[in-house]
Amino acid sequence: MTTRVVVGEFIKGEKNPKIIGVGEAPTLGLRHGYVVNPSLAAASVREAVSLAEKSSNIKIKRAFVSLSGTTLQSMTSSGGTIVSKADGEVTTLDINKALQDCEDNLNLGNKKIIHTYAQSFRLDGKEVLGRLEGMRGTKLEAKALFITYSIQHLEDLLGVIAEAGVETIDVIASPVAVSNIALSEKQKIVGVALVDIGDQTTSLSVFENGLLISIYTFSIGSTEITNDIALGFKIPLDKAESLKLGNLAPEYSKKKLDEIIDARLSDIFELIENNLKKIKRAELLPAGIVFVGGGSNTPLLVELSKTALKLPSALGATEIFGNAKTKLRDSSWFAALGLLTISKESETYGESSISNLFKDLKNTIKSSIKQLMP
């Protein structure tokens, strides 16, 4: 695992950010996306931030943070409200009330809502396409998708980042950040799955009609492939990693290597297939599957996917850099790069945004961050 920091600058008139600094460091103290050793995790963040500061010549005090890990999931809920104005005109207040009712109908347990996406609305039983405000009716119904994350894991992660001396402006689900630069609007409209294969987890995000309709995270990643190769050939992990990435040496059987990789990728494909069946999208996504993340560099991935999942498959790419050659083209950087596009869209982030965003988190996080901040 690697902690990555990207510093970007938006120049007036330019569509894409100019990357002015990057930093990366091995991630210690995390497992499957959650903190197991806060001090080691904070040291990893500090090292990556320090390198980004040196390369950009900018002191990093605040940052957007991407969330991934096994507790990143989605939930769908329905709700409704009676239109409040006497003349039946729907207002933003009514829409917010209907979405709040969707949220109230959830059984969140120990989860925190990170993002809310309205999926559809019905006014007096009829589906409404396009703008709702100004229409007239009596009963407004809504269906919404909620992206959730473990409260405990979020508290721990924000505590680590605060201990590293960085204030969190906002947290963004990693698949949301990645989709901003790796998927086109056309793909999101016709139907596409974004699969991010990390070291210890794999996330599956599905888009349709321009909307995110599902996120699910599996506790299996590319490290398992490396471990299988190490065991199969009885070789050190670094050598196994090199073989996994296609650097085959003469003394190793390509046939045996392919069989090992195929077996583990088949496990990942089976999880993806089962999840797509659950949401009734198996073999029904015209734009197919786009693979990103460090694990997507496995040479056999795309071809095996086409056969196993019976969908078009491709590796994720981004147009941010034009024709420039850079290591940031590796899709393991896409979550950090995607945060830059989020920051451009978000013009309302003021100094108090952190307190507004997390005002309903348990008070322990506020007190722990105050203790950790210098």
Protein backbone atom coordinates (compact mmCIF):
# COMPACT_ATOMS: atom_id res chain seq x y z
CA MET A 1 0.00 0.00 0.00
CA THR A 2 1.09 3.55 -0.70
CA THR A 3 0.06 6.94 0.66
CA ARG A 4 -0.11 9.48 -2.16
CA VAL A 5 -0.34 13.28 -2.12
CA VAL A 6 -0.88 15.48 -5.18
CA VAL A 7 -0.68 19.28 -5.23
CA GLY A 8 -2.47 20.95 -8.14
CA GLU A 9 -2.92 24.50 -9.39
CA PHE A 10 -5.86 25.67 -11.47
CA ILE A 11 -4.92 28.30 -14.04
CA LYS A 12 -7.66 30.56 -15.37
CA GLY A 13 -8.89 29.39 -18.76
CA GLU A 14 -7.36 25.92 -18.38
CA LYS A 15 -9.70 22.94 -18.05
CA ASN A 16 -7.28 20.65 -16.23
CA PRO A 17 -5.08 21.36 -13.20
CA LYS A 18 -1.35 21.81 -13.44
CA ILE A 19 0.37 19.29 -11.16
CA ILE A 20 2.99 21.19 -9.20
CA GLY A 21 3.94 18.64 -6.58
CA VAL A 22 3.61 14.97 -5.63
CA GLY A 23 4.65 12.80 -2.71
CA GLU A 24 4.35 9.11 -1.95
CA ALA A 25 5.37 6.85 0.90
CA PRO A 26 4.78 3.21 1.85
CA THR A 27 1.58 2.97 3.93
CA LEU A 28 2.19 1.51 7.35
CA GLY A 29 -0.33 1.02 10.13
CA LEU A 30 -3.35 0.29 7.89
CA ARG A 31 -5.09 -2.96 6.97
CA HIS A 32 -7.91 -3.30 4.44
CA GLY A 33 -8.25 0.49 4.56
CA TYR A 34 -8.61 0.98 8.30
CA VAL A 35 -6.10 2.13 10.92
CA VAL A 36 -4.46 -0.53 13.09
CA ASN A 37 -1.45 1.52 14.26
CA PRO A 38 -2.12 5.30 14.39
CA SER A 39 1.47 6.43 14.95
CA LEU A 40 2.83 4.39 12.01
CA ALA A 41 -0.04 5.58 9.79
CA ALA A 42 0.60 9.23 10.75
CA ALA A 43 4.30 8.81 9.94
CA SER A 44 3.35 7.55 6.45
CA VAL A 45 1.15 10.61 5.87
CA ARG A 46 3.86 12.97 7.17
CA GLU A 47 6.46 11.45 4.82
CA ALA A 48 4.21 11.70 1.73
CA VAL A 49 3.16 15.26 2.64
CA SER A 50 6.78 16.30 3.25
CA LEU A 51 7.83 15.06 -0.20
CA ALA A 52 4.87 16.84 -1.82
CA GLU A 53 5.80 20.04 0.01
CA LYS A 54 9.42 19.80 -1.21
CA SER A 55 8.44 19.22 -4.83
CA SER A 56 5.75 21.96 -4.87
CA ASN A 57 7.53 24.42 -2.57
CA ILE A 58 4.19 24.90 -0.77
CA LYS A 59 3.35 24.26 2.90
CA ILE A 60 0.41 21.84 3.01
CA LYS A 61 -1.96 22.69 5.86
CA ARG A 62 -5.32 21.45 4.52
CA ALA A 63 -6.28 18.68 2.12
CA PHE A 64 -9.10 16.68 0.56
CA VAL A 65 -8.95 13.03 1.62
CA SER A 66 -10.15 9.99 -0.35
CA LEU A 67 -11.84 7.14 1.49
CA SER A 68 -11.50 3.47 0.56
CA GLY A 69 -11.53 0.20 2.45
CA THR A 70 -13.87 -2.64 3.29
CA THR A 71 -16.39 -0.43 5.14
CA LEU A 72 -17.00 1.80 2.10
CA GLN A 73 -20.40 0.64 0.82
CA SER A 74 -23.68 2.02 -0.55
CA MET A 75 -27.28 1.80 0.67
CA THR A 76 -30.49 2.69 -1.16
CA SER A 77 -33.56 4.08 0.59
CA SER A 78 -36.98 5.56 -0.27
CA GLY A 79 -38.93 8.32 1.47
CA GLY A 80 -41.40 11.13 0.89
CA THR A 81 -43.08 14.27 2.10
CA ILE A 82 -46.23 16.33 1.59
CA VAL A 83 -45.54 19.46 -0.51
CA SER A 84 -45.47 22.37 1.95
CA LYS A 85 -46.77 25.34 -0.10
CA ALA A 86 -50.54 25.87 -0.19
CA ASP A 87 -50.55 26.13 -3.99
CA GLY A 88 -48.69 22.80 -4.28
CA GLU A 89 -45.54 24.27 -5.85
CA VAL A 90 -42.49 22.07 -5.17
CA THR A 91 -39.55 23.91 -3.61
CA THR A 92 -35.98 22.97 -2.71
CA LEU A 93 -37.18 22.65 0.89
CA ASP A 94 -39.61 19.87 -0.14
CA ILE A 95 -36.88 18.04 -2.06
CA ASN A 96 -34.56 18.21 0.95
CA LYS A 97 -37.37 16.98 3.23
CA ALA A 98 -38.01 13.98 0.97
CA LEU A 99 -34.28 13.13 0.89
CA GLN A 100 -34.10 13.55 4.67
CA ASP A 101 -36.98 11.08 5.00
CA CYS A 102 -34.99 8.62 2.85
CA GLU A 103 -32.09 9.04 5.28
CA ASP A 104 -34.35 8.65 8.33
CA ASN A 105 -35.58 5.32 6.94
CA LEU A 106 -32.05 3.89 6.88
CA ASN A 107 -30.69 1.61 9.56
CA LEU A 108 -27.22 3.16 9.72
CA GLY A 109 -25.88 1.46 12.84
CA ASN A 110 -22.22 2.45 13.17
CA LYS A 111 -22.04 3.95 9.68
CA LYS A 112 -21.58 7.57 8.65
CA ILE A 113 -23.09 8.95 5.43
CA ILE A 114 -20.34 10.37 3.20
CA HIS A 115 -22.38 11.22 0.07
CA THR A 116 -26.09 11.39 -0.77
CA TYR A 117 -27.25 11.01 -4.39
CA ALA A 118 -30.87 11.49 -5.40
CA GLN A 119 -31.79 8.65 -7.79
CA SER A 120 -35.38 9.44 -8.75
CA PHE A 121 -38.48 11.44 -7.75
CA ARG A 122 -42.21 10.83 -8.12
CA LEU A 123 -44.83 13.53 -7.77
CA ASP A 124 -48.33 12.22 -7.02
CA GLY A 125 -47.23 8.79 -8.23
CA LYS A 126 -45.71 9.90 -11.55
CA GLU A 127 -41.96 9.85 -12.18
CA VAL A 128 -40.45 13.28 -12.74
CA LEU A 129 -37.55 13.66 -15.18
CA GLY A 130 -35.49 16.83 -15.05
CA ARG A 131 -36.09 19.81 -12.77
CA LEU A 132 -38.61 19.41 -9.96
CA GLU A 133 -38.75 22.95 -8.60
CA GLY A 134 -41.83 24.83 -9.82
CA MET A 135 -43.92 21.74 -10.56
CA ARG A 136 -47.19 21.36 -8.68
CA GLY A 137 -48.50 18.41 -6.72
CA THR A 138 -49.35 17.07 -3.27
CA LYS A 139 -47.06 14.14 -2.44
CA LEU A 140 -43.36 14.02 -3.31
CA GLU A 141 -41.55 10.67 -3.14
CA ALA A 142 -37.79 10.16 -3.48
CA LYS A 143 -35.29 7.34 -3.86
CA ALA A 144 -31.68 8.03 -2.92
CA LEU A 145 -28.30 6.32 -2.77
CA PHE A 146 -26.18 6.84 0.34
CA ILE A 147 -22.43 6.14 0.39
CA THR A 148 -21.49 5.08 3.92
CA TYR A 149 -18.33 4.44 5.93
CA SER A 150 -17.64 3.10 9.42
CA ILE A 151 -17.76 5.95 11.95
CA GLN A 152 -14.97 4.35 13.98
CA HIS A 153 -12.70 3.95 10.94
CA LEU A 154 -13.41 7.52 9.82
CA GLU A 155 -12.60 8.89 13.27
CA ASP A 156 -9.34 6.94 13.33
CA LEU A 157 -8.34 8.08 9.84
CA LEU A 158 -9.08 11.76 10.50
CA GLY A 159 -7.22 11.50 13.80
CA VAL A 160 -4.16 10.15 11.96
CA ILE A 161 -4.25 12.94 9.35
CA ALA A 162 -4.64 15.56 12.10
CA GLU A 163 -1.71 14.01 13.98
CA ALA A 164 0.31 14.40 10.77
CA GLY A 165 -0.43 18.14 10.93
CA VAL A 166 -2.99 18.35 8.10
CA GLU A 167 -6.58 19.57 8.41
CA THR A 168 -9.17 17.61 6.45
CA ILE A 169 -11.27 19.91 4.22
CA ASP A 170 -13.61 17.13 3.11
CA VAL A 171 -13.67 13.36 2.68
CA ILE A 172 -14.55 11.90 -0.72
CA ALA A 173 -15.26 8.26 -1.53
CA SER A 174 -12.32 7.07 -3.62
CA PRO A 175 -14.50 5.68 -6.48
CA VAL A 176 -16.22 9.08 -6.77
CA ALA A 177 -12.84 10.85 -7.08
CA VAL A 178 -11.52 8.27 -9.57
CA SER A 179 -14.68 8.34 -11.71
CA ASN A 180 -14.21 12.09 -12.24
CA ILE A 181 -11.08 11.52 -14.30
CA ALA A 182 -11.30 7.89 -15.49
CA LEU A 183 -14.88 7.74 -16.83
CA SER A 184 -16.57 9.82 -19.52
CA GLU A 185 -20.10 11.18 -19.17
CA LYS A 186 -21.14 8.93 -22.05
CA GLN A 187 -19.91 5.83 -20.21
CA LYS A 188 -21.76 6.88 -17.05
CA ILE A 189 -24.97 7.42 -19.01
CA VAL A 190 -25.10 4.13 -20.93
CA GLY A 191 -23.90 2.02 -18.00
CA VAL A 192 -20.39 1.22 -16.78
CA ALA A 193 -18.63 -0.50 -13.88
CA LEU A 194 -15.48 1.00 -12.36
CA VAL A 195 -13.33 -1.65 -10.64
CA ASP A 196 -10.45 -0.40 -8.48
CA ILE A 197 -8.06 -3.20 -7.55
CA GLY A 198 -5.90 -2.06 -4.67
CA ASP A 199 -3.36 -3.94 -2.56
CA GLN A 200 -5.83 -5.33 -0.03
CA THR A 201 -9.28 -4.37 -1.32
CA THR A 202 -11.23 -4.21 -4.59
CA SER A 203 -14.09 -1.75 -5.05
CA LEU A 204 -16.89 -2.08 -7.62
CA SER A 205 -18.84 1.07 -8.55
CA VAL A 206 -21.66 1.03 -11.08
CA PHE A 207 -22.97 4.07 -12.99
CA GLU A 208 -26.10 4.34 -15.15
CA ASN A 209 -28.09 7.26 -16.57
CA GLY A 210 -25.27 9.51 -15.38
CA LEU A 211 -25.81 8.43 -11.76
CA LEU A 212 -23.83 6.33 -9.32
CA ILE A 213 -26.15 3.43 -8.48
CA SER A 214 -23.96 1.14 -6.35
CA ILE A 215 -20.63 0.85 -4.52
CA TYR A 216 -19.35 -2.33 -2.94
CA THR A 217 -15.89 -3.11 -1.52
CA PHE A 218 -14.39 -6.62 -1.30
CA SER A 219 -11.59 -7.60 1.09
CA ILE A 220 -9.39 -9.06 -1.63
CA GLY A 221 -6.72 -7.26 -3.63
CA SER A 222 -3.61 -7.66 -5.73
CA THR A 223 -1.45 -8.59 -2.71
CA GLU A 224 -3.16 -12.00 -2.74
CA ILE A 225 -1.92 -12.55 -6.31
CA THR A 226 1.64 -11.67 -5.23
CA ASN A 227 1.40 -14.01 -2.22
CA ASP A 228 0.12 -16.86 -4.42
CA ILE A 229 3.04 -16.41 -6.85
CA ALA A 230 5.54 -16.31 -3.96
CA LEU A 231 4.13 -19.58 -2.58
CA GLY A 232 3.77 -21.22 -6.01
CA PHE A 233 7.38 -20.56 -7.04
CA LYS A 234 8.84 -20.41 -3.49
CA ILE A 235 10.41 -17.01 -4.13
CA PRO A 236 10.64 -13.69 -2.19
CA LEU A 237 7.68 -11.27 -2.35
CA ASP A 238 9.56 -8.59 -4.32
CA LYS A 239 10.44 -11.14 -7.01
CA ALA A 240 6.83 -12.39 -7.03
CA GLU A 241 5.59 -8.81 -7.49
CA SER A 242 7.91 -8.37 -10.47
CA LEU A 243 6.60 -11.59 -12.05
CA LYS A 244 3.01 -10.48 -11.48
CA LEU A 245 3.69 -7.30 -13.45
CA GLY A 246 4.94 -9.30 -16.46
CA ASN A 247 8.69 -9.25 -15.88
CA LEU A 248 9.15 -12.97 -16.60
CA ALA A 249 12.56 -14.54 -16.11
CA PRO A 250 13.57 -17.67 -18.14
CA GLU A 251 13.76 -19.92 -15.07
CA TYR A 252 10.03 -19.51 -14.34
CA SER A 253 7.24 -21.25 -16.25
CA LYS A 254 4.92 -18.75 -17.94
CA LYS A 255 2.19 -21.41 -18.03
CA LYS A 256 2.37 -21.94 -14.28
CA LEU A 257 2.48 -18.17 -13.63
CA ASP A 258 -0.60 -17.59 -15.80
CA GLU A 259 -2.46 -20.36 -13.97
CA ILE A 260 -1.69 -18.80 -10.57
CA ILE A 261 -2.78 -15.32 -11.69
CA ASP A 262 -5.86 -16.68 -13.47
CA ALA A 263 -7.00 -18.55 -10.34
CA ARG A 264 -6.87 -15.48 -8.09
CA LEU A 265 -8.36 -13.11 -10.68
CA SER A 266 -11.20 -15.62 -11.10
CA ASP A 267 -12.00 -15.13 -7.40
CA ILE A 268 -12.21 -11.37 -7.94
CA PHE A 269 -14.34 -11.79 -11.09
CA GLU A 270 -16.72 -14.09 -9.22
CA LEU A 271 -17.28 -11.46 -6.52
CA ILE A 272 -17.90 -8.81 -9.20
CA GLU A 273 -20.29 -11.08 -11.10
CA ASN A 274 -22.29 -11.96 -7.98
CA ASN A 275 -22.60 -8.29 -7.05
CA LEU A 276 -23.71 -7.30 -10.56
CA LYS A 277 -26.33 -10.07 -10.42
CA LYS A 278 -27.64 -8.65 -7.13
CA ILE A 279 -28.26 -5.26 -8.73
CA LYS A 280 -29.49 -6.90 -11.97
CA ARG A 281 -26.66 -5.53 -14.15
CA ALA A 282 -24.72 -8.72 -14.99
CA GLU A 283 -23.80 -8.66 -18.71
CA LEU A 284 -25.96 -5.54 -19.06
CA LEU A 285 -23.46 -2.65 -19.01
CA PRO A 286 -22.85 -1.39 -22.58
CA ALA A 287 -19.70 0.56 -21.60
CA GLY A 288 -18.42 -2.54 -19.82
CA ILE A 289 -15.82 -2.53 -17.06
CA VAL A 290 -13.01 -0.01 -16.56
CA PHE A 291 -10.17 -1.26 -14.34
CA VAL A 292 -8.01 1.09 -12.25
CA GLY A 293 -5.69 0.84 -9.24
CA GLY A 294 -2.27 -0.77 -8.78
CA GLY A 295 -3.69 -4.25 -9.36
CA SER A 296 -4.96 -3.29 -12.80
CA ASN A 297 -1.35 -3.49 -14.07
CA THR A 298 -1.56 -7.31 -14.06
CA PRO A 299 -1.04 -8.23 -17.77
CA LEU A 300 -3.78 -10.91 -18.06
CA LEU A 301 -6.50 -8.81 -16.41
CA VAL A 302 -8.42 -7.31 -19.35
CA GLU A 303 -8.55 -10.44 -21.52
CA LEU A 304 -9.56 -12.71 -18.63
CA SER A 305 -12.23 -10.21 -17.60
CA LYS A 306 -13.85 -10.19 -21.04
CA THR A 307 -14.18 -13.97 -20.93
CA ALA A 308 -15.28 -14.27 -17.29
CA LEU A 309 -17.71 -11.35 -17.10
CA LYS A 310 -18.88 -11.28 -20.74
CA LEU A 311 -18.53 -7.49 -20.87
CA PRO A 312 -16.25 -5.06 -22.73
CA SER A 313 -13.17 -4.44 -20.54
CA ALA A 314 -10.48 -1.78 -20.59
CA LEU A 315 -7.84 -0.12 -18.43
CA GLY A 316 -8.68 3.32 -17.05
CA ALA A 317 -6.89 6.33 -18.51
CA THR A 318 -7.10 10.10 -18.01
CA GLU A 319 -6.81 13.12 -20.31
CA ILE A 320 -5.52 15.40 -17.55
CA PHE A 321 -1.95 15.40 -18.88
CA GLY A 322 -2.53 15.63 -22.62
CA ASN A 323 0.47 13.95 -24.25
CA ALA A 324 2.85 14.44 -21.33
CA LYS A 325 4.65 11.35 -20.06
CA THR A 326 4.39 11.04 -16.28
CA LYS A 327 4.23 8.33 -13.62
CA LEU A 328 0.87 9.84 -12.63
CA ARG A 329 -0.65 8.12 -15.68
CA ASP A 330 -0.51 4.94 -13.58
CA SER A 331 -4.09 4.59 -12.34
CA SER A 332 -2.93 3.95 -8.76
CA TRP A 333 -2.64 7.77 -8.65
CA PHE A 334 -6.19 8.39 -9.92
CA ALA A 335 -7.84 8.75 -6.49
CA ALA A 336 -5.42 11.52 -5.48
CA LEU A 337 -5.72 13.20 -8.89
CA GLY A 338 -9.51 12.95 -8.80
CA LEU A 339 -9.54 14.92 -5.55
CA LEU A 340 -8.20 17.91 -7.50
CA THR A 341 -11.31 17.92 -9.70
CA ILE A 342 -13.46 17.77 -6.55
CA SER A 343 -11.61 20.77 -5.14
CA LYS A 344 -12.26 22.77 -8.33
CA GLU A 345 -15.99 22.00 -8.18
CA SER A 346 -16.19 22.95 -4.51
CA GLU A 347 -16.05 26.71 -4.25
CA THR A 348 -17.86 26.82 -0.90
CA TYR A 349 -15.16 25.32 1.28
CA GLY A 350 -14.33 27.90 3.91
CA GLU A 351 -12.26 27.72 7.05
CA SER A 352 -15.20 26.25 8.98
CA SER A 353 -16.08 23.52 6.51
CA ILE A 354 -14.51 20.78 8.61
CA SER A 355 -16.79 21.61 11.57
CA ASN A 356 -19.84 21.83 9.31
CA LEU A 357 -19.09 18.55 7.58
CA PHE A 358 -18.57 16.53 10.72
CA LYS A 359 -20.87 18.38 13.13
CA ASP A 360 -22.97 15.25 13.65
CA LEU A 361 -20.05 12.88 14.23
CA LYS A 362 -19.63 11.76 17.81
CA ASN A 363 -17.96 14.36 20.02
CA THR A 364 -15.00 12.06 20.51
CA ILE A 365 -13.64 12.89 17.08
CA LYS A 366 -13.77 16.64 17.78
CA SER A 367 -11.99 16.29 21.10
CA SER A 368 -9.41 13.83 19.73
CA ILE A 369 -8.60 16.10 16.77
CA LYS A 370 -8.22 19.11 19.13
CA GLN A 371 -5.80 17.11 21.27
CA LEU A 372 -3.80 16.01 18.23
CA MET A 373 -3.61 19.37 16.47
CA PRO A 374 -0.55 21.46 17.39
